[in-house]
Amino acid sequence: MINQNAIDYMCRWWPNQKPEFLSLADGGTTVRYVRAGKGPALVLLHSIRTQLDLFQRVIPKLTDYFTVYAFDYPGFGWSEIVPGADYREPAMREHVVSFIKRLDLRDVTLAGESMGATLALTTAAVLGDRVKQVVAFNPYDYLPGVERANLLASVIIKSVRAPVIGPTFAAMESRATLAGILKGGFHDPSNMPPDLIDELVKSGKRPGYSNVARAVYRGLSSYVAARQYYARIDVPVTLVYGDHDWSCPNERQANQALIKHAKMVVLNDTGHISSLERPEEFARILVETQSTALSAA
């Protein structure tokens, strides 16, 4: 049975559009996803502690140019929570691969934000000719990562990961702490939609979600290790960074040096969450890179 909560919020930012649900394998985990538009396939991959609604300001701008797909990773948003599941990068990458193969998508543009950007890059490294190009917005592949957002994030994330007190802190997440951490991803915190915070709080109250959050935070170092895959990427890559992203300039340059066909774009007055802070630029870059890819074909 479909949970009405999985539908309600999306209908507020995209009226008359309903999500679909897909099993990533026969008898496997069920994920919520959206499919809309016309044109080449574009798969959008969301960030840490969010869900497909992260892209609410960009999806409507892209449907004239792409068939847009976005999904909640297993355990995130309104996708199925499987007790004891692995949330390290290799397992999450495999979910992205399964999603693309299950829908038999080809000539795909992979685009992601934060953790999703890293997954877009590593997925391209293993999927071969199914991927046309990658656009990676603020890849999350450095330490201490989200702890750079602000002091609140540093204290909370350390506490959630801790061996003894971690489960208690994970279960105590409040709207105020979540909002405080998320706003650390913006150059201008007023760009964070208040109703999206409410939605994330609601999905985060599902039974078992606190265990998911703790596992995700404890596995973030695996995204740093995943940089070993970058040199294997054989398709064009556009690295997009906010000038106020958590990453340092030398970390951005190191990523560009690792990837054979990479160019870099820096967005002014932009933090870590560019899809909400600069949706017009986010969409423009995707459309322009797609046009360039088609011209080169």
C-alpha atoms as a PDB file:
ATOM      1  CA  MET A   1       0.000   0.000   0.000  1.00  0.00           C
ATOM      2  CA  ILE A   2       1.309   3.460  -0.957  1.00  0.00           C
ATOM      3  CA  ASN A   3       1.810   5.816   1.976  1.00  0.00           C
ATOM      4  CA  GLN A   4      -0.074   9.045   1.301  1.00  0.00           C
ATOM      5  CA  ASN A   5       2.831  10.911   2.902  1.00  0.00           C
ATOM      6  CA  ALA A   6       4.968   9.833  -0.058  1.00  0.00           C
ATOM      7  CA  ILE A   7       2.668  11.808  -2.353  1.00  0.00           C
ATOM      8  CA  ASP A   8       1.434  14.838  -0.446  1.00  0.00           C
ATOM      9  CA  TYR A   9       4.489  17.082  -0.326  1.00  0.00           C
ATOM     10  CA  MET A  10       5.533  16.496  -3.918  1.00  0.00           C
ATOM     11  CA  CYS A  11       2.068  17.518  -5.091  1.00  0.00           C
ATOM     12  CA  ARG A  12       2.577  20.861  -3.355  1.00  0.00           C
ATOM     13  CA  TRP A  13       5.601  21.807  -5.454  1.00  0.00           C
ATOM     14  CA  TRP A  14       4.552  19.885  -8.556  1.00  0.00           C
ATOM     15  CA  PRO A  15       0.739  19.713  -8.770  1.00  0.00           C
ATOM     16  CA  ASN A  16      -0.809  16.793 -10.660  1.00  0.00           C
ATOM     17  CA  GLN A  17       2.473  14.864 -10.623  1.00  0.00           C
ATOM     18  CA  LYS A  18       2.610  11.694  -8.555  1.00  0.00           C
ATOM     19  CA  PRO A  19       5.633   9.561  -7.688  1.00  0.00           C
ATOM     20  CA  GLU A  20       6.090   6.002  -8.844  1.00  0.00           C
ATOM     21  CA  PHE A  21       7.565   3.059  -6.974  1.00  0.00           C
ATOM     22  CA  LEU A  22      10.142   0.575  -8.214  1.00  0.00           C
ATOM     23  CA  SER A  23      11.729  -2.559  -6.808  1.00  0.00           C
ATOM     24  CA  LEU A  24      15.466  -2.400  -7.466  1.00  0.00           C
ATOM     25  CA  ALA A  25      15.567  -6.178  -7.914  1.00  0.00           C
ATOM     26  CA  ASP A  26      13.104  -9.049  -7.882  1.00  0.00           C
ATOM     27  CA  GLY A  27      11.932  -9.015  -4.300  1.00  0.00           C
ATOM     28  CA  GLY A  28      14.377  -6.205  -3.556  1.00  0.00           C
ATOM     29  CA  THR A  29      14.128  -2.811  -1.904  1.00  0.00           C
ATOM     30  CA  THR A  30      11.318  -0.564  -3.131  1.00  0.00           C
ATOM     31  CA  VAL A  31      12.158   3.057  -3.880  1.00  0.00           C
ATOM     32  CA  ARG A  32      10.064   6.122  -4.586  1.00  0.00           C
ATOM     33  CA  TYR A  33      10.900   7.942  -7.808  1.00  0.00           C
ATOM     34  CA  VAL A  34       9.593  10.501 -10.238  1.00  0.00           C
ATOM     35  CA  ARG A  35       9.729  10.432 -14.026  1.00  0.00           C
ATOM     36  CA  ALA A  36       8.681  13.410 -16.147  1.00  0.00           C
ATOM     37  CA  GLY A  37       9.482  15.308 -19.307  1.00  0.00           C
ATOM     38  CA  LYS A  38      10.722  14.384 -22.740  1.00  0.00           C
ATOM     39  CA  GLY A  39      14.158  13.950 -24.209  1.00  0.00           C
ATOM     40  CA  PRO A  40      17.391  12.217 -23.169  1.00  0.00           C
ATOM     41  CA  ALA A  41      17.484  10.564 -19.759  1.00  0.00           C
ATOM     42  CA  LEU A  42      18.669  12.662 -16.819  1.00  0.00           C
ATOM     43  CA  VAL A  43      19.045  10.993 -13.417  1.00  0.00           C
ATOM     44  CA  LEU A  44      19.231  13.360 -10.443  1.00  0.00           C
ATOM     45  CA  LEU A  45      20.865  12.063  -7.250  1.00  0.00           C
ATOM     46  CA  HIS A  46      20.134  13.835  -3.982  1.00  0.00           C
ATOM     47  CA  SER A  47      22.337  14.797  -1.044  1.00  0.00           C
ATOM     48  CA  ILE A  48      22.867  13.573   2.512  1.00  0.00           C
ATOM     49  CA  ARG A  49      19.759  13.623   4.722  1.00  0.00           C
ATOM     50  CA  THR A  50      17.435  14.715   1.919  1.00  0.00           C
ATOM     51  CA  GLN A  51      15.250  13.080  -0.736  1.00  0.00           C
ATOM     52  CA  LEU A  52      14.129  13.666  -4.326  1.00  0.00           C
ATOM     53  CA  ASP A  53      12.223  16.797  -3.232  1.00  0.00           C
ATOM     54  CA  LEU A  54      15.626  18.487  -2.978  1.00  0.00           C
ATOM     55  CA  PHE A  55      15.238  19.097  -6.723  1.00  0.00           C
ATOM     56  CA  GLN A  56      11.827  20.789  -6.505  1.00  0.00           C
ATOM     57  CA  ARG A  57      13.151  24.049  -7.951  1.00  0.00           C
ATOM     58  CA  VAL A  58      15.016  22.483 -10.882  1.00  0.00           C
ATOM     59  CA  ILE A  59      12.926  19.548 -12.149  1.00  0.00           C
ATOM     60  CA  PRO A  60      10.166  21.761 -13.625  1.00  0.00           C
ATOM     61  CA  LYS A  61      12.854  23.763 -15.463  1.00  0.00           C
ATOM     62  CA  LEU A  62      14.295  20.641 -17.098  1.00  0.00           C
ATOM     63  CA  THR A  63      11.313  18.693 -18.407  1.00  0.00           C
ATOM     64  CA  ASP A  64      11.341  20.400 -21.826  1.00  0.00           C
ATOM     65  CA  TYR A  65      14.899  19.151 -22.370  1.00  0.00           C
ATOM     66  CA  PHE A  66      15.140  15.796 -20.589  1.00  0.00           C
ATOM     67  CA  THR A  67      13.180  12.858 -19.368  1.00  0.00           C
ATOM     68  CA  VAL A  68      13.991  13.538 -15.739  1.00  0.00           C
ATOM     69  CA  TYR A  69      14.319  10.783 -13.144  1.00  0.00           C
ATOM     70  CA  ALA A  70      14.946  11.313  -9.446  1.00  0.00           C
ATOM     71  CA  PHE A  71      14.598   8.800  -6.637  1.00  0.00           C
ATOM     72  CA  ASP A  72      14.886   8.472  -2.890  1.00  0.00           C
ATOM     73  CA  TYR A  73      17.775   6.149  -2.092  1.00  0.00           C
ATOM     74  CA  PRO A  74      16.778   3.067  -0.076  1.00  0.00           C
ATOM     75  CA  GLY A  75      16.150   4.164   3.499  1.00  0.00           C
ATOM     76  CA  PHE A  76      15.874   7.848   2.522  1.00  0.00           C
ATOM     77  CA  GLY A  77      12.739   9.921   2.022  1.00  0.00           C
ATOM     78  CA  TRP A  78       9.818   7.579   1.421  1.00  0.00           C
ATOM     79  CA  SER A  79      11.763   4.614   0.069  1.00  0.00           C
ATOM     80  CA  GLU A  80      11.753   1.335   1.943  1.00  0.00           C
ATOM     81  CA  ILE A  81      13.872   1.014   5.074  1.00  0.00           C
ATOM     82  CA  VAL A  82      15.601  -2.360   5.335  1.00  0.00           C
ATOM     83  CA  PRO A  83      16.932  -3.075   8.843  1.00  0.00           C
ATOM     84  CA  GLY A  84      20.691  -3.505   8.942  1.00  0.00           C
ATOM     85  CA  ALA A  85      21.236  -2.259   5.384  1.00  0.00           C
ATOM     86  CA  ASP A  86      24.624  -0.955   4.278  1.00  0.00           C
ATOM     87  CA  TYR A  87      24.826   2.784   3.538  1.00  0.00           C
ATOM     88  CA  ARG A  88      28.472   3.040   2.557  1.00  0.00           C
ATOM     89  CA  GLU A  89      29.361   4.283  -0.905  1.00  0.00           C
ATOM     90  CA  PRO A  90      29.740   0.905  -2.668  1.00  0.00           C
ATOM     91  CA  ALA A  91      26.253  -0.200  -1.581  1.00  0.00           C
ATOM     92  CA  MET A  92      24.698   3.149  -2.468  1.00  0.00           C
ATOM     93  CA  ARG A  93      26.414   3.130  -5.842  1.00  0.00           C
ATOM     94  CA  GLU A  94      24.965  -0.294  -6.533  1.00  0.00           C
ATOM     95  CA  HIS A  95      21.474   1.083  -5.841  1.00  0.00           C
ATOM     96  CA  VAL A  96      22.035   3.770  -8.487  1.00  0.00           C
ATOM     97  CA  VAL A  97      23.301   1.175 -10.957  1.00  0.00           C
ATOM     98  CA  SER A  98      20.277  -1.031 -10.246  1.00  0.00           C
ATOM     99  CA  PHE A  99      17.876   1.883 -10.724  1.00  0.00           C
ATOM    100  CA  ILE A 100      19.343   2.699 -14.136  1.00  0.00           C
ATOM    101  CA  LYS A 101      19.450  -0.911 -15.284  1.00  0.00           C
ATOM    102  CA  ARG A 102      15.990  -1.715 -13.949  1.00  0.00           C
ATOM    103  CA  LEU A 103      14.540   1.081 -16.085  1.00  0.00           C
ATOM    104  CA  ASP A 104      16.932   0.205 -18.934  1.00  0.00           C
ATOM    105  CA  LEU A 105      18.136   3.789 -19.265  1.00  0.00           C
ATOM    106  CA  ARG A 106      20.824   4.578 -21.830  1.00  0.00           C
ATOM    107  CA  ASP A 107      22.798   7.648 -22.888  1.00  0.00           C
ATOM    108  CA  VAL A 108      22.161   8.952 -19.395  1.00  0.00           C
ATOM    109  CA  THR A 109      23.233  12.275 -17.970  1.00  0.00           C
ATOM    110  CA  LEU A 110      24.046  11.642 -14.321  1.00  0.00           C
ATOM    111  CA  ALA A 111      23.789  14.701 -12.102  1.00  0.00           C
ATOM    112  CA  GLY A 112      23.963  14.874  -8.346  1.00  0.00           C
ATOM    113  CA  GLU A 113      24.379  17.184  -5.405  1.00  0.00           C
ATOM    114  CA  SER A 114      26.843  16.518  -2.562  1.00  0.00           C
ATOM    115  CA  MET A 115      26.790  12.774  -1.842  1.00  0.00           C
ATOM    116  CA  GLY A 116      24.736  12.409  -5.016  1.00  0.00           C
ATOM    117  CA  ALA A 117      27.502  14.072  -7.029  1.00  0.00           C
ATOM    118  CA  THR A 118      30.025  11.552  -5.755  1.00  0.00           C
ATOM    119  CA  LEU A 119      27.639   8.716  -6.594  1.00  0.00           C
ATOM    120  CA  ALA A 120      27.157  10.156 -10.085  1.00  0.00           C
ATOM    121  CA  LEU A 121      30.920  10.083 -10.611  1.00  0.00           C
ATOM    122  CA  THR A 122      31.511   6.576  -9.258  1.00  0.00           C
ATOM    123  CA  THR A 123      28.466   5.189 -11.075  1.00  0.00           C
ATOM    124  CA  ALA A 124      29.811   6.578 -14.347  1.00  0.00           C
ATOM    125  CA  ALA A 125      33.079   4.790 -13.651  1.00  0.00           C
ATOM    126  CA  VAL A 126      31.362   1.394 -13.486  1.00  0.00           C
ATOM    127  CA  LEU A 127      28.414   1.753 -15.904  1.00  0.00           C
ATOM    128  CA  GLY A 128      30.392   2.326 -19.076  1.00  0.00           C
ATOM    129  CA  ASP A 129      28.518   3.325 -22.216  1.00  0.00           C
ATOM    130  CA  ARG A 130      25.131   3.651 -20.516  1.00  0.00           C
ATOM    131  CA  VAL A 131      26.350   7.056 -19.299  1.00  0.00           C
ATOM    132  CA  LYS A 132      26.666  10.009 -21.662  1.00  0.00           C
ATOM    133  CA  GLN A 133      28.078  12.590 -19.261  1.00  0.00           C
ATOM    134  CA  VAL A 134      28.258  13.587 -15.590  1.00  0.00           C
ATOM    135  CA  VAL A 135      27.488  16.918 -13.971  1.00  0.00           C
ATOM    136  CA  ALA A 136      28.636  16.815 -10.347  1.00  0.00           C
ATOM    137  CA  PHE A 137      27.510  19.657  -8.083  1.00  0.00           C
ATOM    138  CA  ASN A 138      29.669  20.028  -4.968  1.00  0.00           C
ATOM    139  CA  PRO A 139      30.906  16.418  -4.675  1.00  0.00           C
ATOM    140  CA  TYR A 140      31.150  15.111  -1.122  1.00  0.00           C
ATOM    141  CA  ASP A 141      34.519  13.354  -1.023  1.00  0.00           C
ATOM    142  CA  TYR A 142      36.605  14.991   1.717  1.00  0.00           C
ATOM    143  CA  LEU A 143      36.796  14.977   5.500  1.00  0.00           C
ATOM    144  CA  PRO A 144      35.391  16.165   7.830  1.00  0.00           C
ATOM    145  CA  GLY A 145      32.729  16.923   5.236  1.00  0.00           C
ATOM    146  CA  VAL A 146      29.366  17.971   6.654  1.00  0.00           C
ATOM    147  CA  GLU A 147      31.078  18.878   9.919  1.00  0.00           C
ATOM    148  CA  ARG A 148      32.409  21.933   8.072  1.00  0.00           C
ATOM    149  CA  ALA A 149      28.852  23.240   7.680  1.00  0.00           C
ATOM    150  CA  ASN A 150      28.785  24.922  11.094  1.00  0.00           C
ATOM    151  CA  LEU A 151      29.504  24.241  14.763  1.00  0.00           C
ATOM    152  CA  LEU A 152      26.091  22.638  15.302  1.00  0.00           C
ATOM    153  CA  ALA A 153      26.705  20.160  12.492  1.00  0.00           C
ATOM    154  CA  SER A 154      30.123  19.290  13.883  1.00  0.00           C
ATOM    155  CA  VAL A 155      28.762  18.572  17.368  1.00  0.00           C
ATOM    156  CA  ILE A 156      25.669  16.651  16.236  1.00  0.00           C
ATOM    157  CA  ILE A 157      27.361  14.514  13.574  1.00  0.00           C
ATOM    158  CA  LYS A 158      30.187  13.549  15.929  1.00  0.00           C
ATOM    159  CA  SER A 159      27.617  12.615  18.582  1.00  0.00           C
ATOM    160  CA  VAL A 160      25.470  10.552  16.197  1.00  0.00           C
ATOM    161  CA  ARG A 161      28.518   8.578  15.070  1.00  0.00           C
ATOM    162  CA  ALA A 162      29.738   7.902  18.605  1.00  0.00           C
ATOM    163  CA  PRO A 163      29.713   4.224  19.726  1.00  0.00           C
ATOM    164  CA  VAL A 164      27.621   4.456  22.905  1.00  0.00           C
ATOM    165  CA  ILE A 165      25.619   7.672  22.759  1.00  0.00           C
ATOM    166  CA  GLY A 166      25.172   7.635  18.969  1.00  0.00           C
ATOM    167  CA  PRO A 167      21.812   5.822  18.785  1.00  0.00           C
ATOM    168  CA  THR A 168      20.337   8.162  21.392  1.00  0.00           C
ATOM    169  CA  PHE A 169      21.474  11.298  19.559  1.00  0.00           C
ATOM    170  CA  ALA A 170      20.234   9.936  16.216  1.00  0.00           C
ATOM    171  CA  ALA A 171      16.777   9.335  17.686  1.00  0.00           C
ATOM    172  CA  MET A 172      16.647  12.839  19.202  1.00  0.00           C
ATOM    173  CA  GLU A 173      16.763  14.767  15.913  1.00  0.00           C
ATOM    174  CA  SER A 174      14.486  17.809  16.113  1.00  0.00           C
ATOM    175  CA  ARG A 175      13.313  20.305  13.542  1.00  0.00           C
ATOM    176  CA  ALA A 176      15.586  22.948  15.056  1.00  0.00           C
ATOM    177  CA  THR A 177      18.746  20.837  14.863  1.00  0.00           C
ATOM    178  CA  LEU A 178      17.969  19.573  11.355  1.00  0.00           C
ATOM    179  CA  ALA A 179      17.250  23.104  10.134  1.00  0.00           C
ATOM    180  CA  GLY A 180      20.438  24.379  11.741  1.00  0.00           C
ATOM    181  CA  ILE A 181      22.563  21.735  10.049  1.00  0.00           C
ATOM    182  CA  LEU A 182      20.898  22.088   6.638  1.00  0.00           C
ATOM    183  CA  LYS A 183      21.185  25.873   6.645  1.00  0.00           C
ATOM    184  CA  GLY A 184      24.937  25.409   6.978  1.00  0.00           C
ATOM    185  CA  GLY A 185      24.795  24.224   3.363  1.00  0.00           C
ATOM    186  CA  PHE A 186      23.718  27.639   2.071  1.00  0.00           C
ATOM    187  CA  HIS A 187      25.525  30.899   1.437  1.00  0.00           C
ATOM    188  CA  ASP A 188      22.173  32.562   2.184  1.00  0.00           C
ATOM    189  CA  PRO A 189      20.185  30.340   4.591  1.00  0.00           C
ATOM    190  CA  SER A 190      16.912  32.002   3.555  1.00  0.00           C
ATOM    191  CA  ASN A 191      17.126  29.918   0.364  1.00  0.00           C
ATOM    192  CA  MET A 192      16.201  26.796   2.363  1.00  0.00           C
ATOM    193  CA  PRO A 193      12.433  26.180   1.951  1.00  0.00           C
ATOM    194  CA  PRO A 194      10.868  25.907   5.432  1.00  0.00           C
ATOM    195  CA  ASP A 195       8.286  23.418   4.208  1.00  0.00           C
ATOM    196  CA  LEU A 196      11.056  21.137   2.933  1.00  0.00           C
ATOM    197  CA  ILE A 197      12.493  21.055   6.445  1.00  0.00           C
ATOM    198  CA  ASP A 198       9.045  20.037   7.699  1.00  0.00           C
ATOM    199  CA  GLU A 199       8.906  17.286   5.078  1.00  0.00           C
ATOM    200  CA  LEU A 200      12.344  15.962   6.001  1.00  0.00           C
ATOM    201  CA  VAL A 201      11.346  15.895   9.659  1.00  0.00           C
ATOM    202  CA  LYS A 202       8.221  13.924   8.743  1.00  0.00           C
ATOM    203  CA  SER A 203      10.047  11.324   6.639  1.00  0.00           C
ATOM    204  CA  GLY A 204      12.743  11.162   9.318  1.00  0.00           C
ATOM    205  CA  LYS A 205      10.208  10.059  11.917  1.00  0.00           C
ATOM    206  CA  ARG A 206       9.532   6.760  10.158  1.00  0.00           C
ATOM    207  CA  PRO A 207      10.313   3.684  12.256  1.00  0.00           C
ATOM    208  CA  GLY A 208      13.947   2.738  11.776  1.00  0.00           C
ATOM    209  CA  TYR A 209      15.066   5.995  10.215  1.00  0.00           C
ATOM    210  CA  SER A 210      17.340   7.009  13.092  1.00  0.00           C
ATOM    211  CA  ASN A 211      19.340   3.832  12.437  1.00  0.00           C
ATOM    212  CA  VAL A 212      19.589   4.799   8.769  1.00  0.00           C
ATOM    213  CA  ALA A 213      20.860   8.281   9.634  1.00  0.00           C
ATOM    214  CA  ARG A 214      23.478   6.916  11.991  1.00  0.00           C
ATOM    215  CA  ALA A 215      24.667   4.363   9.431  1.00  0.00           C
ATOM    216  CA  VAL A 216      24.882   7.061   6.753  1.00  0.00           C
ATOM    217  CA  TYR A 217      26.959   9.394   8.924  1.00  0.00           C
ATOM    218  CA  ARG A 218      29.228   6.578  10.055  1.00  0.00           C
ATOM    219  CA  GLY A 219      29.822   5.603   6.436  1.00  0.00           C
ATOM    220  CA  LEU A 220      30.741   9.017   5.064  1.00  0.00           C
ATOM    221  CA  SER A 221      34.453   8.212   4.964  1.00  0.00           C
ATOM    222  CA  SER A 222      33.657   5.682   2.231  1.00  0.00           C
ATOM    223  CA  TYR A 223      32.883   8.605  -0.087  1.00  0.00           C
ATOM    224  CA  VAL A 224      36.435   9.840   0.341  1.00  0.00           C
ATOM    225  CA  ALA A 225      37.768   6.379  -0.491  1.00  0.00           C
ATOM    226  CA  ALA A 226      35.528   6.350  -3.587  1.00  0.00           C
ATOM    227  CA  ARG A 227      37.730   8.974  -5.248  1.00  0.00           C
ATOM    228  CA  GLN A 228      39.832   6.028  -6.424  1.00  0.00           C
ATOM    229  CA  TYR A 229      37.149   5.486  -9.095  1.00  0.00           C
ATOM    230  CA  TYR A 230      37.438   8.953 -10.612  1.00  0.00           C
ATOM    231  CA  ALA A 231      40.368   8.076 -12.854  1.00  0.00           C
ATOM    232  CA  ARG A 232      38.259   5.357 -14.483  1.00  0.00           C
ATOM    233  CA  ILE A 233      35.650   7.766 -15.830  1.00  0.00           C
ATOM    234  CA  ASP A 234      35.705   7.946 -19.631  1.00  0.00           C
ATOM    235  CA  VAL A 235      32.844  10.380 -20.307  1.00  0.00           C
ATOM    236  CA  PRO A 236      32.784  14.187 -20.132  1.00  0.00           C
ATOM    237  CA  VAL A 237      32.472  15.516 -16.583  1.00  0.00           C
ATOM    238  CA  THR A 238      31.503  18.974 -15.398  1.00  0.00           C
ATOM    239  CA  LEU A 239      32.448  19.692 -11.790  1.00  0.00           C
ATOM    240  CA  VAL A 240      30.336  22.507 -10.368  1.00  0.00           C
ATOM    241  CA  TYR A 241      31.240  24.104  -7.048  1.00  0.00           C
ATOM    242  CA  GLY A 242      29.677  26.903  -5.074  1.00  0.00           C
ATOM    243  CA  ASP A 243      32.271  29.485  -4.126  1.00  0.00           C
ATOM    244  CA  HIS A 244      31.150  28.934  -0.513  1.00  0.00           C
ATOM    245  CA  ASP A 245      31.015  25.136  -0.736  1.00  0.00           C
ATOM    246  CA  TRP A 246      32.454  23.163   2.178  1.00  0.00           C
ATOM    247  CA  SER A 247      35.280  21.902  -0.041  1.00  0.00           C
ATOM    248  CA  CYS A 248      38.583  23.774  -0.255  1.00  0.00           C
ATOM    249  CA  PRO A 249      39.995  25.019  -3.580  1.00  0.00           C
ATOM    250  CA  ASN A 250      42.860  22.505  -3.475  1.00  0.00           C
ATOM    251  CA  GLU A 251      40.356  19.643  -2.993  1.00  0.00           C
ATOM    252  CA  ARG A 252      38.383  20.806  -6.024  1.00  0.00           C
ATOM    253  CA  GLN A 253      41.508  21.066  -8.150  1.00  0.00           C
ATOM    254  CA  ALA A 254      42.621  17.601  -7.058  1.00  0.00           C
ATOM    255  CA  ASN A 255      39.330  16.152  -8.270  1.00  0.00           C
ATOM    256  CA  GLN A 256      39.639  17.882 -11.620  1.00  0.00           C
ATOM    257  CA  ALA A 257      43.151  16.489 -12.001  1.00  0.00           C
ATOM    258  CA  LEU A 258      41.936  12.945 -11.313  1.00  0.00           C
ATOM    259  CA  ILE A 259      39.248  12.958 -14.020  1.00  0.00           C
ATOM    260  CA  LYS A 260      40.396  12.722 -17.624  1.00  0.00           C
ATOM    261  CA  HIS A 261      37.657  14.766 -19.289  1.00  0.00           C
ATOM    262  CA  ALA A 262      36.738  17.233 -16.554  1.00  0.00           C
ATOM    263  CA  LYS A 263      36.039  20.929 -16.611  1.00  0.00           C
ATOM    264  CA  MET A 264      35.160  23.062 -13.595  1.00  0.00           C
ATOM    265  CA  VAL A 265      32.538  25.744 -13.060  1.00  0.00           C
ATOM    266  CA  VAL A 266      32.321  27.892  -9.918  1.00  0.00           C
ATOM    267  CA  LEU A 267      29.008  29.507  -8.952  1.00  0.00           C
ATOM    268  CA  ASN A 268      29.201  32.818  -7.128  1.00  0.00           C
ATOM    269  CA  ASP A 269      27.393  33.417  -3.836  1.00  0.00           C
ATOM    270  CA  THR A 270      26.555  29.727  -3.571  1.00  0.00           C
ATOM    271  CA  GLY A 271      27.018  27.200  -0.801  1.00  0.00           C
ATOM    272  CA  HIS A 272      26.863  23.404  -0.785  1.00  0.00           C
ATOM    273  CA  ILE A 273      23.230  23.033  -1.900  1.00  0.00           C
ATOM    274  CA  SER A 274      23.157  24.706  -5.305  1.00  0.00           C
ATOM    275  CA  SER A 275      19.928  23.084  -6.538  1.00  0.00           C
ATOM    276  CA  LEU A 276      17.969  25.156  -4.016  1.00  0.00           C
ATOM    277  CA  GLU A 277      20.250  28.195  -3.856  1.00  0.00           C
ATOM    278  CA  ARG A 278      20.879  28.626  -7.600  1.00  0.00           C
ATOM    279  CA  PRO A 279      18.194  26.579  -9.409  1.00  0.00           C
ATOM    280  CA  GLU A 280      18.354  28.644 -12.598  1.00  0.00           C
ATOM    281  CA  GLU A 281      22.114  28.134 -12.861  1.00  0.00           C
ATOM    282  CA  PHE A 282      21.784  24.452 -11.956  1.00  0.00           C
ATOM    283  CA  ALA A 283      19.284  23.923 -14.780  1.00  0.00           C
ATOM    284  CA  ARG A 284      21.195  26.095 -17.251  1.00  0.00           C
ATOM    285  CA  ILE A 285      24.397  24.110 -16.773  1.00  0.00           C
ATOM    286  CA  LEU A 286      22.582  20.824 -17.356  1.00  0.00           C
ATOM    287  CA  VAL A 287      20.911  22.084 -20.525  1.00  0.00           C
ATOM    288  CA  GLU A 288      24.123  23.594 -21.892  1.00  0.00           C
ATOM    289  CA  THR A 289      26.258  20.532 -21.188  1.00  0.00           C
ATOM    290  CA  GLN A 290      23.635  18.337 -22.833  1.00  0.00           C
ATOM    291  CA  SER A 291      23.650  20.579 -25.906  1.00  0.00           C
ATOM    292  CA  THR A 292      27.445  20.372 -26.049  1.00  0.00           C
ATOM    293  CA  ALA A 293      27.340  16.590 -25.724  1.00  0.00           C
ATOM    294  CA  LEU A 294      24.834  16.315 -28.576  1.00  0.00           C
ATOM    295  CA  SER A 295      26.930  18.584 -30.802  1.00  0.00           C
ATOM    296  CA  ALA A 296      30.001  16.448 -30.171  1.00  0.00           C
ATOM    297  CA  ALA A 297      28.194  13.174 -30.930  1.00  0.00           C
END
